[in-house]
C-alpha atoms as a PDB file:
ATOM      1  CA  UNK A   1       0.000   0.000   0.000  1.00  0.00           C
ATOM      2  CA  UNK A   2       1.170   3.528  -0.778  1.00  0.00           C
ATOM      3  CA  UNK A   3       1.080   6.577   1.395  1.00  0.00           C
ATOM      4  CA  UNK A   4      -1.843   8.902   1.220  1.00  0.00           C
ATOM      5  CA  UNK A   5      -1.015  12.535   0.544  1.00  0.00           C
ATOM      6  CA  UNK A   6      -3.337  15.320   1.607  1.00  0.00           C
ATOM      7  CA  UNK A   7      -3.432  17.788  -1.286  1.00  0.00           C
ATOM      8  CA  UNK A   8      -5.132  20.503   0.756  1.00  0.00           C
ATOM      9  CA  UNK A   9      -2.135  21.048   3.075  1.00  0.00           C
ATOM     10  CA  UNK A  10       0.150  23.901   2.037  1.00  0.00           C
ATOM     11  CA  UNK A  11       3.840  23.486   2.586  1.00  0.00           C
ATOM     12  CA  UNK A  12       6.123  26.436   3.194  1.00  0.00           C
ATOM     13  CA  UNK A  13       9.463  26.454   1.423  1.00  0.00           C
ATOM     14  CA  UNK A  14      12.604  26.311   3.534  1.00  0.00           C
ATOM     15  CA  UNK A  15      13.731  29.916   3.086  1.00  0.00           C
ATOM     16  CA  UNK A  16      16.447  30.126   5.724  1.00  0.00           C
ATOM     17  CA  UNK A  17      18.014  28.270   8.542  1.00  0.00           C
ATOM     18  CA  UNK A  18      15.976  27.827  11.658  1.00  0.00           C
ATOM     19  CA  UNK A  19      19.132  27.557  13.734  1.00  0.00           C
ATOM     20  CA  UNK A  20      19.908  30.863  15.486  1.00  0.00           C
ATOM     21  CA  UNK A  21      23.619  29.972  15.674  1.00  0.00           C
ATOM     22  CA  UNK A  22      23.901  30.045  11.893  1.00  0.00           C
ATOM     23  CA  UNK A  23      22.715  33.648  11.660  1.00  0.00           C
ATOM     24  CA  UNK A  24      24.869  34.606  14.645  1.00  0.00           C
ATOM     25  CA  UNK A  25      27.874  33.031  12.942  1.00  0.00           C
ATOM     26  CA  UNK A  26      27.140  34.978   9.749  1.00  0.00           C
ATOM     27  CA  UNK A  27      26.959  38.252  11.693  1.00  0.00           C
ATOM     28  CA  UNK A  28      30.214  37.439  13.500  1.00  0.00           C
ATOM     29  CA  UNK A  29      32.029  36.613  10.251  1.00  0.00           C
ATOM     30  CA  UNK A  30      30.681  39.769   8.605  1.00  0.00           C
ATOM     31  CA  UNK A  31      31.828  41.874  11.558  1.00  0.00           C
ATOM     32  CA  UNK A  32      35.335  40.406  11.481  1.00  0.00           C
ATOM     33  CA  UNK A  33      35.616  40.974   7.726  1.00  0.00           C
ATOM     34  CA  UNK A  34      34.428  44.575   8.140  1.00  0.00           C
ATOM     35  CA  UNK A  35      36.998  45.244  10.892  1.00  0.00           C
ATOM     36  CA  UNK A  36      39.825  43.804   8.785  1.00  0.00           C
ATOM     37  CA  UNK A  37      38.840  45.899   5.764  1.00  0.00           C
ATOM     38  CA  UNK A  38      38.530  49.108   7.823  1.00  0.00           C
ATOM     39  CA  UNK A  39      41.852  48.426   9.565  1.00  0.00           C
ATOM     40  CA  UNK A  40      43.635  47.839   6.264  1.00  0.00           C
ATOM     41  CA  UNK A  41      42.118  50.985   4.762  1.00  0.00           C
ATOM     42  CA  UNK A  42      43.102  53.108   7.783  1.00  0.00           C
ATOM     43  CA  UNK A  43      46.751  52.014   7.591  1.00  0.00           C
ATOM     44  CA  UNK A  44      47.088  52.007   3.798  1.00  0.00           C
ATOM     45  CA  UNK A  45      50.001  54.218   2.767  1.00  0.00           C
ATOM     46  CA  UNK A  46      49.168  57.479   1.079  1.00  0.00           C
ATOM     47  CA  UNK A  47      50.398  58.144  -2.417  1.00  0.00           C
ATOM     48  CA  UNK A  48      53.896  59.502  -2.680  1.00  0.00           C
ATOM     49  CA  UNK A  49      54.918  62.652  -4.477  1.00  0.00           C
ATOM     50  CA  UNK A  50      54.734  62.527  -8.236  1.00  0.00           C
ATOM     51  CA  UNK A  51      57.761  60.963  -9.846  1.00  0.00           C
ATOM     52  CA  UNK A  52      60.431  63.561 -10.478  1.00  0.00           C
ATOM     53  CA  UNK A  53      59.041  66.146  -8.044  1.00  0.00           C
ATOM     54  CA  UNK A  54      61.199  67.156  -5.138  1.00  0.00           C
ATOM     55  CA  UNK A  55      60.364  69.240  -2.099  1.00  0.00           C
ATOM     56  CA  UNK A  56      62.850  71.826  -0.902  1.00  0.00           C
ATOM     57  CA  UNK A  57      60.822  72.953   2.150  1.00  0.00           C
ATOM     58  CA  UNK A  58      59.091  70.736   4.696  1.00  0.00           C
ATOM     59  CA  UNK A  59      56.871  72.338   7.330  1.00  0.00           C
ATOM     60  CA  UNK A  60      55.571  70.380  10.318  1.00  0.00           C
ATOM     61  CA  UNK A  61      52.514  71.896  11.978  1.00  0.00           C
ATOM     62  CA  UNK A  62      52.560  70.065  15.286  1.00  0.00           C
ATOM     63  CA  UNK A  63      49.274  71.375  16.710  1.00  0.00           C
ATOM     64  CA  UNK A  64      47.406  70.358  13.555  1.00  0.00           C
ATOM     65  CA  UNK A  65      49.491  67.148  13.189  1.00  0.00           C
ATOM     66  CA  UNK A  66      50.082  68.048   9.589  1.00  0.00           C
ATOM     67  CA  UNK A  67      53.104  67.717   7.314  1.00  0.00           C
ATOM     68  CA  UNK A  68      53.411  70.030   4.306  1.00  0.00           C
ATOM     69  CA  UNK A  69      55.915  69.718   1.458  1.00  0.00           C
ATOM     70  CA  UNK A  70      56.694  72.722  -0.735  1.00  0.00           C
ATOM     71  CA  UNK A  71      58.751  73.336  -3.847  1.00  0.00           C
ATOM     72  CA  UNK A  72      59.594  77.037  -3.642  1.00  0.00           C
ATOM     73  CA  UNK A  73      56.170  78.536  -2.757  1.00  0.00           C
ATOM     74  CA  UNK A  74      54.029  75.795  -4.375  1.00  0.00           C
ATOM     75  CA  UNK A  75      52.382  73.271  -2.048  1.00  0.00           C
ATOM     76  CA  UNK A  76      53.201  69.801  -3.370  1.00  0.00           C
ATOM     77  CA  UNK A  77      51.563  67.691  -0.690  1.00  0.00           C
ATOM     78  CA  UNK A  78      49.929  68.067   2.695  1.00  0.00           C
ATOM     79  CA  UNK A  79      49.278  65.014   4.812  1.00  0.00           C
ATOM     80  CA  UNK A  80      47.926  64.150   8.205  1.00  0.00           C
ATOM     81  CA  UNK A  81      49.697  60.964   9.311  1.00  0.00           C
ATOM     82  CA  UNK A  82      47.875  58.329  11.339  1.00  0.00           C
ATOM     83  CA  UNK A  83      49.107  58.469  14.909  1.00  0.00           C
ATOM     84  CA  UNK A  84      48.612  55.341  16.967  1.00  0.00           C
END
């Protein structure tokens, strides 16, 4: 004898995991990936001066934590280094 199937019963598709640890694990992995990406971006070196350009004056503004490089009176680069 075969099984009888009730055709009036609706079945819901399995959309996601019913285990709360799976979603918690996904949030934890996403958080770790986000922290690694932000940390790498924060410590990524800034671009150097254009090839062939040379500064003849360097001014350090300590209160503003800013370093400025000049060639004669033209500002070549101003940077705010990351201080840890």
